[in-house]
């Protein structure tokens, strides 16, 4: 790695960290305003509140990190331009494409990271966060979630279930509504229950 790459990465990644911390703080404050009454009413301990925000951290990361990258890139380039460093680099024969290489590399790594976190951790994090709040309110346990809802954005599919047992991976009173990209209805499925086995869902309808 050339000295110029190290310098540009240093000037870029430091604002990324500051921006992400600021956005994360705003995310926590906004969420805390929505849930503070529940935390107070049900006498949540500090360790429980901390556990809750650790659970939703992947969702916050997916939402806040791209904005942090954008704002940090603007700040970094403005700062370099303010001190005439971009002009100096261009006068030294460094092309625009060469200057943008570190930023593009960080963007590619960030894209893959956000995609993996979103696919691997966010859905389970939402389930765990909802189960945590139900347990705190005394309306359920961490193993049983009432009025479960999941929106599969990639497949344009909405899942509804009266109850979801996370231990046995069983849905009860299931409704699945799939639609096209323009929200035109494509499929409506109703089942008494659904069980996750061998990497796919097995549905069971009501017996007549």
Protein backbone atom coordinates (compact mmCIF):
# COMPACT_ATOMS: atom_id res chain seq x y z
CA UNK A 1 0.00 0.00 0.00
CA UNK A 2 1.41 3.37 -1.03
CA UNK A 3 1.81 6.27 1.37
CA UNK A 4 -0.91 8.19 -0.46
CA UNK A 5 -3.39 5.35 0.12
CA UNK A 6 -2.59 5.23 3.82
CA UNK A 7 -3.01 8.97 4.10
CA UNK A 8 -6.33 9.06 2.24
CA UNK A 9 -7.68 6.12 4.24
CA UNK A 10 -6.69 7.82 7.48
CA UNK A 11 -8.41 11.04 6.43
CA UNK A 12 -11.51 9.08 5.41
CA UNK A 13 -11.93 6.38 8.07
CA UNK A 14 -11.62 8.73 11.04
CA UNK A 15 -14.68 10.79 9.94
CA UNK A 16 -16.50 7.52 9.22
CA UNK A 17 -16.02 6.48 12.83
CA UNK A 18 -17.17 9.85 14.17
CA UNK A 19 -20.20 9.97 11.87
CA UNK A 20 -21.24 6.42 12.71
CA UNK A 21 -20.95 7.11 16.44
CA UNK A 22 -23.09 10.25 16.05
CA UNK A 23 -25.75 8.48 13.95
CA UNK A 24 -25.77 5.51 16.34
CA UNK A 25 -26.32 7.85 19.28
CA UNK A 26 -29.25 9.48 17.48
CA UNK A 27 -30.70 6.06 16.66
CA UNK A 28 -30.49 4.97 20.29
CA UNK A 29 -31.98 8.24 21.55
CA UNK A 30 -34.91 7.98 19.12
CA UNK A 31 -35.56 4.36 20.04
CA UNK A 32 -35.18 5.15 23.73
CA UNK A 33 -37.84 7.85 23.46
CA UNK A 34 -40.22 5.24 22.03
CA UNK A 35 -39.46 2.55 24.63
CA UNK A 36 -38.52 4.59 27.69
CA UNK A 37 -42.04 4.37 29.12
CA UNK A 38 -41.93 0.56 28.92
CA UNK A 39 -38.47 0.42 30.50
CA UNK A 40 -39.69 2.57 33.39
CA UNK A 41 -43.09 0.94 33.77
CA UNK A 42 -41.74 -2.61 33.86
CA UNK A 43 -38.66 -1.70 35.94
CA UNK A 44 -36.05 -2.74 33.41
CA UNK A 45 -32.53 -2.98 34.78
CA UNK A 46 -29.62 -1.22 33.12
CA UNK A 47 -28.21 -4.60 32.04
CA UNK A 48 -31.53 -5.41 30.33
CA UNK A 49 -31.60 -2.10 28.50
CA UNK A 50 -28.02 -2.65 27.40
CA UNK A 51 -28.89 -6.17 26.24
CA UNK A 52 -31.79 -4.83 24.20
CA UNK A 53 -29.63 -2.31 22.35
CA UNK A 54 -26.98 -4.92 21.69
CA UNK A 55 -29.72 -7.03 20.10
CA UNK A 56 -30.80 -4.24 17.72
CA UNK A 57 -27.21 -3.13 16.99
CA UNK A 58 -27.06 -5.02 13.64
CA UNK A 59 -30.19 -3.20 12.44
CA UNK A 60 -28.69 0.13 13.51
CA UNK A 61 -25.45 -0.73 11.73
CA UNK A 62 -27.23 -1.51 8.45
CA UNK A 63 -29.20 1.74 8.63
CA UNK A 64 -26.47 4.10 9.83
CA UNK A 65 -23.24 2.87 8.23
CA UNK A 66 -24.07 3.81 4.60
CA UNK A 67 -25.06 7.32 5.71
CA UNK A 68 -21.85 7.56 7.73
CA UNK A 69 -19.79 6.63 4.67
CA UNK A 70 -21.51 9.23 2.51
CA UNK A 71 -21.15 12.05 5.03
CA UNK A 72 -17.56 11.10 5.82
CA UNK A 73 -16.64 11.05 2.12
CA UNK A 74 -18.06 14.54 1.65
CA UNK A 75 -16.24 15.82 4.73
CA UNK A 76 -12.96 14.17 3.72
CA UNK A 77 -12.99 15.54 0.17
CA UNK A 78 -14.03 19.00 1.37
CA UNK A 79 -11.21 18.98 3.92
CA UNK A 80 -8.65 17.89 1.34
CA UNK A 81 -9.87 20.58 -1.04
CA UNK A 82 -9.80 23.20 1.69
CA UNK A 83 -6.08 22.64 2.24
CA UNK A 84 -5.36 22.38 -1.51
CA UNK A 85 -4.19 18.80 -1.09
CA UNK A 86 -6.26 17.56 -4.02
CA UNK A 87 -4.68 20.18 -6.27
CA UNK A 88 -1.21 19.15 -5.05
CA UNK A 89 -1.90 15.51 -5.76
CA UNK A 90 -3.27 16.25 -9.22
CA UNK A 91 -0.25 18.47 -9.95
CA UNK A 92 2.00 15.55 -8.94
CA UNK A 93 0.50 13.43 -11.69
CA UNK A 94 -1.98 11.44 -9.63
CA UNK A 95 -5.10 10.77 -11.68
CA UNK A 96 -8.65 11.12 -10.41
CA UNK A 97 -9.18 7.37 -10.73
CA UNK A 98 -6.06 6.72 -8.65
CA UNK A 99 -7.23 9.17 -6.01
CA UNK A 100 -10.63 7.51 -5.80
CA UNK A 101 -9.21 3.96 -5.48
CA UNK A 102 -9.07 3.91 -1.62
CA UNK A 103 -12.62 5.30 -1.38
CA UNK A 104 -13.95 2.76 -3.89
CA UNK A 105 -12.21 -0.08 -2.02
CA UNK A 106 -13.76 0.97 1.27
CA UNK A 107 -17.14 1.28 -0.42
CA UNK A 108 -16.94 -2.25 -1.84
CA UNK A 109 -15.92 -3.74 1.50
CA UNK A 110 -18.70 -1.79 3.24
CA UNK A 111 -21.27 -2.98 0.68
CA UNK A 112 -20.41 -6.64 1.25
CA UNK A 113 -20.31 -6.17 5.02
CA UNK A 114 -23.68 -4.43 5.19
CA UNK A 115 -25.24 -7.07 2.93
CA UNK A 116 -23.95 -9.94 5.08
CA UNK A 117 -25.02 -8.31 8.34
CA UNK A 118 -28.45 -7.54 6.90
CA UNK A 119 -28.97 -11.09 5.70
CA UNK A 120 -27.44 -12.95 8.65
CA UNK A 121 -28.24 -10.88 11.73
CA UNK A 122 -31.00 -8.30 11.15
CA UNK A 123 -34.01 -10.69 10.79
CA UNK A 124 -33.03 -12.68 13.88
CA UNK A 125 -32.23 -9.45 15.72
CA UNK A 126 -35.74 -8.11 15.06
CA UNK A 127 -37.26 -11.35 16.31
CA UNK A 128 -35.12 -11.31 19.44
CA UNK A 129 -35.87 -7.63 20.10
CA UNK A 130 -39.61 -8.21 19.82
CA UNK A 131 -39.37 -11.29 22.04
CA UNK A 132 -37.35 -9.30 24.58
CA UNK A 133 -39.97 -6.55 24.77
CA UNK A 134 -42.78 -9.12 25.07
CA UNK A 135 -40.94 -10.79 27.91
CA UNK A 136 -40.36 -7.45 29.60
CA UNK A 137 -44.05 -6.58 29.36
CA UNK A 138 -45.04 -10.02 30.62
CA UNK A 139 -46.93 -10.87 27.42
CA UNK A 140 -44.74 -13.70 26.27
CA UNK A 141 -41.43 -15.45 26.64
CA UNK A 142 -38.25 -15.38 24.62
CA UNK A 143 -39.27 -18.72 23.10
CA UNK A 144 -42.84 -17.78 22.18
CA UNK A 145 -43.69 -14.65 20.19
CA UNK A 146 -47.29 -13.51 19.76
CA UNK A 147 -48.56 -11.70 16.64
CA UNK A 148 -45.38 -12.38 14.68
CA UNK A 149 -44.77 -10.36 11.50
CA UNK A 150 -41.87 -10.53 9.07
CA UNK A 151 -41.48 -8.65 5.78
CA UNK A 152 -39.20 -10.31 3.23
CA UNK A 153 -38.31 -7.29 1.10
CA UNK A 154 -36.18 -9.23 -1.38
CA UNK A 155 -38.98 -11.67 -2.19
CA UNK A 156 -41.87 -9.17 -1.83
CA UNK A 157 -43.43 -11.49 0.73
CA UNK A 158 -45.17 -10.71 4.05
CA UNK A 159 -45.42 -13.30 6.82
CA UNK A 160 -48.06 -13.18 9.56
CA UNK A 161 -48.48 -15.67 12.41
CA UNK A 162 -50.59 -15.64 15.55
CA UNK A 163 -47.69 -17.21 17.42
CA UNK A 164 -44.08 -18.19 16.72
CA UNK A 165 -42.20 -20.71 18.87
CA UNK A 166 -38.54 -19.88 18.28
CA UNK A 167 -37.33 -23.02 20.05
CA UNK A 168 -39.29 -25.50 17.94
CA UNK A 169 -39.30 -23.13 14.92
CA UNK A 170 -43.06 -23.48 14.53
CA UNK A 171 -45.52 -20.88 13.28
CA UNK A 172 -49.23 -21.07 14.19
CA UNK A 173 -52.13 -19.59 12.20
CA UNK A 174 -49.90 -18.59 9.31
CA UNK A 175 -50.68 -16.13 6.54
CA UNK A 176 -48.30 -15.42 3.65
CA UNK A 177 -49.02 -12.64 1.17
CA UNK A 178 -46.73 -12.29 -1.82
CA UNK A 179 -46.95 -9.47 -4.33
CA UNK A 180 -45.11 -8.21 -7.39
CA UNK A 181 -42.78 -5.22 -7.41
CA UNK A 182 -45.73 -2.95 -8.22
CA UNK A 183 -47.68 -4.35 -5.20
CA UNK A 184 -49.99 -6.41 -7.40
CA UNK A 185 -51.15 -9.48 -5.40
CA UNK A 186 -49.42 -12.66 -6.54
CA UNK A 187 -50.04 -15.31 -3.85
CA UNK A 188 -52.07 -15.67 -0.65
CA UNK A 189 -51.38 -18.70 1.51
CA UNK A 190 -53.12 -19.69 4.76
CA UNK A 191 -52.12 -22.59 6.99
CA UNK A 192 -52.81 -23.86 10.47
CA UNK A 193 -49.10 -24.19 11.20
CA UNK A 194 -45.66 -24.26 9.61
CA UNK A 195 -42.50 -25.98 10.84
CA UNK A 196 -38.93 -25.27 9.71
CA UNK A 197 -37.32 -28.62 8.85
CA UNK A 198 -34.42 -29.59 6.60
CA UNK A 199 -33.89 -26.03 5.40
CA UNK A 200 -37.46 -25.23 4.35
CA UNK A 201 -40.94 -24.65 5.74
CA UNK A 202 -43.53 -27.45 5.92
CA UNK A 203 -47.11 -26.16 6.04
CA UNK A 204 -50.10 -27.94 7.55
CA UNK A 205 -53.64 -26.89 6.74
CA UNK A 206 -56.69 -27.33 8.93
CA UNK A 207 -58.27 -30.75 8.78
CA UNK A 208 -61.96 -30.96 7.89
